[in-house]
Amino acid sequence: ESFPTQRLLGEYIEEVGGRLNAWTSKEMTFYYSQVPANYAKRSVHLLSEQLKKSLFPEEKIPIEMKNIVQEIHRAHDNPQGLANRLSDGLVYGNHPLGKDTLGLEESVLALTRNDFIAFKERYYNPANYVFIVAGNITQEEALGLFDEYFPEEAKQKPNTRIAQELNPVAERKLIQKKDIEQIHMFLSATTGKASGEDAKHIEFFTRMISGGLSAPLFQEVRNRLGLCYEIWADETKWSDVGIFDIYIGTDPKRYREAISASLRAIENHKTDETLLEKVKNMKMGRLSLRYENTMNIINIAAQDIAFTGKPKGYDQIIEEIQKINIKNIENAVNKYLKPELFFTTMLVPRNFIEKN
C-alpha cells in the first residue's frame, strides 16, 4: 500500500545503497533485504509491507505469469536443468518433492488474483514467520523494530505439514529424447531426512568425491578415463527425503562406462580418511569466509531453522564438523548409495538407441 508501484518499492531500499530480493524452494519462501545499519528501519518497514499489504493488482498478474512462463521455457531449454527436473520426478514419484517449483505452463497461466489472496491468507500469518537479522544491530533494537511493524498476535495456528513417506517407485530408469548431441544423465539416490545425522554424512561424502578439480569423480572419470566432458555430485536436504545426485555429460557411446566408473568412485572412496580430513578443513575454511558476509549468515540460519527448528552458532557448526569420522561416512554410503539403489535419468539425442 505504501509502495503502489514496483519502482517506488525498489527505490525505497536502493536509494540508500541497499538491495532486496526473494527466492523460493520446494519447502520455503525467503524474503531478504540488505541495508546500511543506520537504515535498518527501512528494511523491516518494507518487509512488513510485502508480507502484510501486497495489493496483487489484477492487471499485473497476467503480465507476471507470462514472465514466469518464459522462465519455464528457459529452464526447458537448458538440457542439464531439464534432466535434473526429470530426475526429481522419477525419484520422488507422486511425492510433492517430485513437482517442479516453477509449475506447469498451463497452471501458471490459469492463476488469478483470488488464488494469490487465498494463498496469502493461508500462509502469511505471524505464526508462520521466522525473522532473522544479522549485522551491526543489537537484539533489543531488532526486536523493537519487529514489535513496531509486526505488532499483531498470531490469530491462526502455524501451517505444520505432516511428513509424507516416499512410495516405492517401480521404474528406476527414465530416457527422454531431445534435439541435442550429448547425453545429460543423472544418477540419483534418496537419502535421509534433513534433520538426521545421515544427511550430514552424505553431505560430507559428496564433497569428498566432488569437491573440485582434484576430487575423485573429476580426476578418475573425466581426466584419467576421458569418459565425460562434465561430471559432479551434489546432495539436497529436504524435510522428508533428501537426494544425492551425480551429473554426467557424456558421449552416447560411453555412458555405460561413465556410470560404472562413477559407482566405482563411490565404493573406492567411502573409507578414504585423507579425503575426509581435507573436506573438514575445506568446510571450516569456507565457513569462516562465509561468516564475513551477513547475508551468508542469514542463509545458513534459515536452512537450519527450516530443517531442524533452530539455528546453530559458528562454534557449534565447527564442533559438528570436527566430530565426523570415516565410519560415519562409510555407514551412510552403505545405507543409501549402493548401486542397486540408484535411479538413472537420461536426456538423449533423438537418434539414440539403447543397446542391451
Protein backbone atom coordinates (compact mmCIF):
# COMPACT_ATOMS: atom_id res chain seq x y z
CA GLU A 1 0.00 0.00 0.00
CA SER A 2 2.82 2.43 0.77
CA PHE A 3 4.63 1.47 -2.46
CA PRO A 4 1.95 1.06 -5.14
CA THR A 5 4.48 0.62 -7.97
CA GLN A 6 7.48 -1.65 -8.33
CA ARG A 7 9.68 1.38 -8.97
CA LEU A 8 8.73 3.02 -5.67
CA LEU A 9 9.27 -0.22 -3.79
CA GLY A 10 12.75 -0.66 -5.26
CA GLU A 11 13.72 2.98 -4.75
CA TYR A 12 12.96 2.86 -1.05
CA ILE A 13 15.86 0.45 -0.48
CA GLU A 14 18.11 1.20 -3.44
CA GLU A 15 18.36 4.95 -2.80
CA VAL A 16 20.24 4.24 0.45
CA GLY A 17 22.55 1.68 -1.17
CA GLY A 18 20.57 -1.40 -0.18
CA ARG A 19 19.15 -4.28 -2.14
CA LEU A 20 16.23 -6.65 -1.84
CA ASN A 21 15.17 -9.90 -3.40
CA ALA A 22 13.50 -13.21 -2.65
CA TRP A 23 13.77 -16.85 -3.58
CA THR A 24 11.51 -19.88 -3.41
CA SER A 25 12.49 -23.50 -2.93
CA LYS A 26 10.37 -26.63 -2.62
CA GLU A 27 9.87 -26.01 1.11
CA MET A 28 10.20 -22.31 1.86
CA THR A 29 9.98 -18.76 0.58
CA PHE A 30 12.73 -16.40 1.69
CA TYR A 31 12.48 -12.59 1.52
CA TYR A 32 15.54 -10.52 2.27
CA SER A 33 16.95 -7.04 2.13
CA GLN A 34 20.41 -5.75 2.90
CA VAL A 35 20.86 -2.13 4.01
CA PRO A 36 23.39 0.05 5.83
CA ALA A 37 22.92 -0.40 9.59
CA ASN A 38 21.52 3.11 10.09
CA TYR A 39 18.68 2.28 7.67
CA ALA A 40 17.57 -0.95 9.38
CA LYS A 41 14.12 0.54 9.93
CA ARG A 42 13.55 0.79 6.19
CA SER A 43 14.30 -2.88 5.78
CA VAL A 44 11.74 -4.03 8.36
CA HIS A 45 9.16 -1.48 7.16
CA LEU A 46 9.42 -2.76 3.58
CA LEU A 47 9.27 -6.37 4.73
CA SER A 48 6.05 -5.65 6.61
CA GLU A 49 4.54 -4.05 3.50
CA GLN A 50 5.47 -7.04 1.35
CA LEU A 51 4.13 -9.65 3.77
CA LYS A 52 1.01 -7.87 5.02
CA LYS A 53 -0.11 -5.34 2.43
CA SER A 54 0.53 -6.78 -1.01
CA LEU A 55 -2.01 -5.38 -3.49
CA PHE A 56 -1.93 -8.02 -6.25
CA PRO A 57 -3.15 -5.62 -8.98
CA GLU A 58 -5.45 -7.54 -11.32
CA GLU A 59 -3.88 -6.10 -14.46
CA LYS A 60 -0.34 -7.04 -13.40
CA ILE A 61 -0.97 -10.75 -12.82
CA PRO A 62 -1.23 -11.89 -16.49
CA ILE A 63 1.96 -9.98 -17.32
CA GLU A 64 3.90 -11.54 -14.47
CA MET A 65 2.54 -15.01 -15.23
CA LYS A 66 3.74 -14.67 -18.84
CA ASN A 67 7.18 -13.75 -17.49
CA ILE A 68 7.18 -16.93 -15.41
CA VAL A 69 6.17 -18.98 -18.45
CA GLN A 70 9.25 -17.58 -20.21
CA GLU A 71 11.27 -18.72 -17.22
CA ILE A 72 9.78 -22.20 -17.61
CA HIS A 73 10.70 -22.22 -21.31
CA ARG A 74 14.24 -21.09 -20.50
CA ALA A 75 14.56 -23.87 -17.93
CA HIS A 76 13.45 -26.45 -20.51
CA ASP A 77 15.99 -25.11 -23.00
CA ASN A 78 18.79 -26.00 -20.57
CA PRO A 79 19.45 -29.75 -21.04
CA GLN A 80 21.25 -30.17 -17.71
CA GLY A 81 18.48 -28.41 -15.79
CA LEU A 82 15.76 -30.32 -17.63
CA ALA A 83 17.46 -33.63 -16.88
CA ASN A 84 17.64 -32.64 -13.21
CA ARG A 85 13.90 -31.90 -13.05
CA LEU A 86 13.11 -35.16 -14.84
CA SER A 87 15.27 -36.95 -12.28
CA ASP A 88 13.36 -35.41 -9.37
CA GLY A 89 10.10 -36.54 -10.96
CA LEU A 90 11.39 -40.10 -11.40
CA VAL A 91 12.86 -40.43 -7.90
CA TYR A 92 10.05 -38.79 -5.94
CA GLY A 93 7.10 -40.02 -7.99
CA ASN A 94 3.85 -38.65 -6.58
CA HIS A 95 5.53 -37.13 -3.52
CA PRO A 96 5.27 -33.29 -3.55
CA LEU A 97 9.06 -33.05 -3.86
CA GLY A 98 8.69 -34.51 -7.35
CA LYS A 99 6.91 -31.37 -8.56
CA ASP A 100 8.81 -28.54 -10.23
CA THR A 101 8.81 -25.34 -8.18
CA LEU A 102 8.15 -23.27 -11.31
CA GLY A 103 5.00 -25.23 -12.04
CA LEU A 104 3.46 -26.05 -15.40
CA GLU A 105 2.74 -23.52 -18.12
CA GLU A 106 -1.00 -24.23 -18.11
CA SER A 107 -1.30 -23.97 -14.31
CA VAL A 108 0.70 -20.73 -14.15
CA LEU A 109 -1.39 -19.05 -16.87
CA ALA A 110 -4.59 -20.08 -15.06
CA LEU A 111 -3.70 -18.32 -11.78
CA THR A 112 -5.96 -15.42 -10.75
CA ARG A 113 -5.88 -12.72 -8.11
CA ASN A 114 -8.11 -14.84 -5.86
CA ASP A 115 -5.57 -17.66 -5.93
CA PHE A 116 -2.86 -15.35 -4.59
CA ILE A 117 -5.13 -13.86 -1.94
CA ALA A 118 -6.16 -17.33 -0.74
CA PHE A 119 -2.52 -18.42 -0.59
CA LYS A 120 -1.57 -15.28 1.37
CA GLU A 121 -4.40 -15.76 3.86
CA ARG A 122 -3.37 -19.36 4.44
CA TYR A 123 0.38 -18.95 4.89
CA TYR A 124 1.17 -15.29 5.52
CA ASN A 125 0.29 -15.08 9.18
CA PRO A 126 2.65 -14.30 12.08
CA ALA A 127 2.57 -17.90 13.33
CA ASN A 128 4.40 -18.96 10.15
CA TYR A 129 7.08 -16.25 10.10
CA VAL A 130 10.66 -16.59 11.22
CA PHE A 131 12.65 -13.32 11.24
CA ILE A 132 16.43 -13.46 11.02
CA VAL A 133 18.70 -10.45 11.50
CA ALA A 134 22.49 -10.27 11.18
CA GLY A 135 24.76 -7.25 11.27
CA ASN A 136 25.55 -4.13 13.27
CA ILE A 137 22.38 -4.07 15.36
CA THR A 138 21.59 -5.15 18.91
CA GLN A 139 18.99 -7.73 19.77
CA GLU A 140 16.92 -5.08 21.57
CA GLU A 141 16.97 -2.77 18.55
CA ALA A 142 15.92 -5.57 16.22
CA LEU A 143 13.10 -6.72 18.49
CA GLY A 144 11.90 -3.13 18.80
CA LEU A 145 11.62 -2.80 15.01
CA PHE A 146 9.68 -6.04 14.62
CA ASP A 147 7.37 -5.11 17.51
CA GLU A 148 6.69 -1.81 15.72
CA TYR A 149 5.96 -3.22 12.28
CA PHE A 150 4.56 -6.62 13.25
CA PRO A 151 2.60 -5.83 16.42
CA GLU A 152 -0.26 -8.25 15.79
CA GLU A 153 -0.51 -11.56 17.57
CA ALA A 154 -0.87 -14.79 15.66
CA LYS A 155 -4.57 -15.39 15.12
CA GLN A 156 -4.03 -18.59 13.20
CA LYS A 157 -2.02 -21.66 14.08
CA PRO A 158 1.15 -22.27 12.08
CA ASN A 159 0.77 -24.41 8.99
CA THR A 160 2.55 -27.54 10.10
CA ARG A 161 2.96 -30.01 7.26
CA ILE A 162 2.62 -33.69 8.06
CA ALA A 163 5.62 -35.69 6.89
CA GLN A 164 4.88 -37.75 3.80
CA GLU A 165 6.54 -41.07 3.15
CA LEU A 166 8.01 -41.80 -0.25
CA ASN A 167 6.03 -44.51 -2.01
CA PRO A 168 8.13 -47.21 -3.68
CA VAL A 169 8.75 -46.41 -7.34
CA ALA A 170 8.74 -49.40 -9.68
CA GLU A 171 10.52 -47.73 -12.59
CA ARG A 172 14.12 -46.79 -11.82
CA LYS A 173 15.12 -45.56 -15.27
CA LEU A 174 13.87 -42.75 -17.49
CA ILE A 175 15.03 -41.94 -21.02
CA GLN A 176 13.73 -38.83 -22.77
CA LYS A 177 14.75 -37.67 -26.23
CA LYS A 178 15.53 -34.09 -27.23
CA ASP A 179 17.28 -32.26 -30.06
CA ILE A 180 20.75 -32.47 -28.53
CA GLU A 181 24.07 -34.14 -29.38
CA GLN A 182 25.26 -35.43 -25.99
CA ILE A 183 23.68 -37.40 -23.16
CA HIS A 184 22.83 -35.48 -19.98
CA MET A 185 22.45 -38.02 -17.22
CA PHE A 186 21.67 -38.08 -13.50
CA LEU A 187 22.41 -40.98 -11.17
CA SER A 188 20.22 -40.30 -8.14
CA ALA A 189 19.57 -41.94 -4.79
CA THR A 190 17.29 -40.94 -1.94
CA THR A 191 18.86 -40.10 1.41
CA GLY A 192 17.61 -39.45 4.94
CA LYS A 193 15.63 -36.61 6.42
CA ALA A 194 17.41 -33.25 6.62
CA SER A 195 17.20 -33.32 10.42
CA GLY A 196 19.04 -36.65 10.68
CA GLU A 197 22.74 -37.31 11.12
CA ASP A 198 22.91 -39.35 7.91
CA ALA A 199 22.09 -36.25 5.85
CA LYS A 200 25.17 -34.53 7.24
CA HIS A 201 27.36 -37.55 6.50
CA ILE A 202 26.13 -37.79 2.90
CA GLU A 203 26.87 -34.08 2.52
CA PHE A 204 30.47 -34.66 3.59
CA PHE A 205 30.89 -37.66 1.32
CA THR A 206 29.55 -35.62 -1.61
CA ARG A 207 32.30 -33.07 -1.03
CA MET A 208 34.85 -35.91 -0.69
CA ILE A 209 34.23 -37.20 -4.21
CA SER A 210 33.20 -33.93 -5.89
CA GLY A 211 34.94 -31.04 -4.20
CA GLY A 212 36.61 -29.57 -7.29
CA LEU A 213 39.18 -30.36 -9.98
CA SER A 214 41.23 -32.54 -7.62
CA ALA A 215 38.27 -34.66 -6.45
CA PRO A 216 37.91 -38.34 -7.45
CA LEU A 217 34.93 -38.01 -9.79
CA PHE A 218 36.66 -35.37 -11.90
CA GLN A 219 40.09 -36.97 -11.78
CA GLU A 220 39.11 -40.61 -12.28
CA VAL A 221 36.09 -40.43 -14.59
CA ARG A 222 36.93 -37.35 -16.65
CA ASN A 223 40.67 -36.81 -16.58
CA ARG A 224 42.09 -40.33 -16.38
CA LEU A 225 39.46 -42.23 -18.38
CA GLY A 226 38.08 -39.40 -20.56
CA LEU A 227 34.53 -40.69 -20.20
CA CYS A 228 32.74 -37.34 -19.97
CA TYR A 229 33.22 -33.63 -20.51
CA GLU A 230 31.48 -32.70 -17.24
CA ILE A 231 30.81 -34.57 -14.01
CA TRP A 232 29.89 -33.54 -10.48
CA ALA A 233 27.96 -34.74 -7.45
CA ASP A 234 25.57 -32.83 -5.23
CA GLU A 235 23.13 -33.50 -2.41
CA THR A 236 19.97 -31.67 -1.39
CA LYS A 237 18.39 -31.85 2.02
CA TRP A 238 14.60 -31.88 2.41
CA SER A 239 12.40 -32.48 5.44
CA ASP A 240 11.00 -35.83 4.31
CA VAL A 241 13.52 -37.35 1.90
CA GLY A 242 16.82 -35.93 0.66
CA ILE A 243 18.55 -36.73 -2.62
CA PHE A 244 22.10 -37.45 -3.81
CA ASP A 245 22.91 -36.82 -7.48
CA ILE A 246 25.78 -37.45 -9.85
CA TYR A 247 25.50 -35.50 -13.10
CA ILE A 248 27.34 -36.81 -16.16
CA GLY A 249 27.53 -35.05 -19.53
CA THR A 250 28.92 -37.60 -21.98
CA ASP A 251 29.04 -39.09 -25.46
CA PRO A 252 26.14 -41.50 -26.20
CA LYS A 253 28.66 -44.27 -26.90
CA ARG A 254 30.34 -44.09 -23.50
CA TYR A 255 27.57 -43.52 -20.97
CA ARG A 256 27.66 -47.09 -19.59
CA GLU A 257 31.38 -46.82 -18.87
CA ALA A 258 30.84 -43.45 -17.21
CA ILE A 259 28.16 -44.93 -14.93
CA SER A 260 30.39 -47.85 -13.92
CA ALA A 261 33.36 -45.59 -13.21
CA SER A 262 31.23 -43.23 -11.11
CA LEU A 263 29.86 -46.07 -8.99
CA ARG A 264 33.40 -47.41 -8.52
CA ALA A 265 34.48 -44.00 -7.25
CA ILE A 266 31.77 -44.13 -4.60
CA GLU A 267 32.85 -47.58 -3.44
CA ASN A 268 36.58 -46.82 -3.53
CA HIS A 269 36.47 -43.61 -1.51
CA LYS A 270 33.87 -44.22 1.20
CA THR A 271 36.68 -45.15 3.61
CA ASP A 272 39.20 -42.53 2.49
CA GLU A 273 40.23 -40.81 5.73
CA THR A 274 42.67 -38.48 3.94
CA LEU A 275 39.86 -37.14 1.76
CA LEU A 276 37.60 -36.67 4.76
CA GLU A 277 40.22 -34.61 6.59
CA LYS A 278 40.67 -32.44 3.51
CA VAL A 279 36.92 -31.86 3.34
CA LYS A 280 36.72 -31.00 7.04
CA ASN A 281 39.49 -28.41 6.63
CA MET A 282 37.86 -27.07 3.49
CA LYS A 283 34.45 -26.71 5.16
CA MET A 284 35.89 -24.94 8.20
CA GLY A 285 37.80 -22.56 5.94
CA ARG A 286 34.77 -21.80 3.78
CA LEU A 287 32.60 -21.32 6.84
CA SER A 288 34.97 -18.67 8.20
CA LEU A 289 34.83 -16.85 4.86
CA ARG A 290 31.05 -17.11 4.65
CA TYR A 291 30.69 -15.63 8.11
CA GLU A 292 32.31 -12.42 6.85
CA ASN A 293 29.08 -11.72 4.94
CA THR A 294 25.84 -11.09 6.84
CA MET A 295 23.66 -12.48 4.03
CA ASN A 296 25.54 -15.79 4.22
CA ILE A 297 24.97 -15.93 7.97
CA ILE A 298 21.24 -15.41 7.41
CA ASN A 299 21.08 -18.08 4.71
CA ILE A 300 22.84 -20.63 6.90
CA ALA A 301 20.47 -19.85 9.76
CA ALA A 302 17.40 -20.08 7.51
CA GLN A 303 18.32 -23.59 6.36
CA ASP A 304 18.93 -24.74 9.94
CA ILE A 305 15.63 -23.30 11.14
CA ALA A 306 13.68 -24.83 8.27
CA PHE A 307 15.01 -28.34 8.79
CA THR A 308 15.97 -28.59 12.48
CA GLY A 309 13.85 -25.87 14.10
CA LYS A 310 16.68 -23.65 15.35
CA PRO A 311 19.86 -22.01 14.06
CA LYS A 312 23.37 -23.09 15.01
CA GLY A 313 26.17 -20.81 16.11
CA TYR A 314 29.55 -20.68 14.40
CA ASP A 315 31.31 -22.64 17.18
CA GLN A 316 28.60 -25.30 17.15
CA ILE A 317 28.98 -25.82 13.41
CA ILE A 318 32.76 -26.12 13.76
CA GLU A 319 32.36 -28.66 16.55
CA GLU A 320 29.99 -30.77 14.42
CA ILE A 321 32.46 -30.73 11.53
CA GLN A 322 35.31 -31.90 13.74
CA LYS A 323 33.30 -34.77 15.23
CA ILE A 324 32.57 -36.53 11.95
CA ASN A 325 34.65 -39.66 11.37
CA ILE A 326 35.17 -42.01 8.45
CA LYS A 327 32.95 -44.71 9.98
CA ASN A 328 30.04 -42.24 9.89
CA ILE A 329 30.71 -41.73 6.18
CA GLU A 330 31.04 -45.43 5.37
CA ASN A 331 27.82 -46.33 7.19
CA ALA A 332 25.81 -43.62 5.40
CA VAL A 333 27.19 -44.59 1.98
CA ASN A 334 26.43 -48.27 2.59
CA LYS A 335 22.92 -47.37 3.64
CA TYR A 336 21.95 -45.01 0.82
CA LEU A 337 24.41 -45.22 -2.08
CA LYS A 338 24.56 -48.88 -3.06
CA PRO A 339 24.50 -49.35 -6.87
CA GLU A 340 21.11 -51.06 -6.80
CA LEU A 341 19.53 -48.06 -5.02
CA PHE A 342 20.28 -45.58 -7.80
CA PHE A 343 17.81 -44.17 -10.30
CA THR A 344 19.06 -43.28 -13.81
CA THR A 345 17.65 -40.36 -15.78
CA MET A 346 18.91 -39.74 -19.31
CA LEU A 347 18.20 -36.87 -21.68
CA VAL A 348 19.40 -38.24 -25.01
CA PRO A 349 19.64 -37.29 -28.73
CA ARG A 350 16.68 -38.06 -30.97
CA ASN A 351 18.56 -40.85 -32.75
CA PHE A 352 19.67 -42.57 -29.54
CA ILE A 353 19.03 -46.33 -29.37
CA GLU A 354 19.75 -48.10 -26.10
CA LYS A 355 21.61 -51.34 -26.59
CA ASN A 356 21.48 -54.30 -24.23
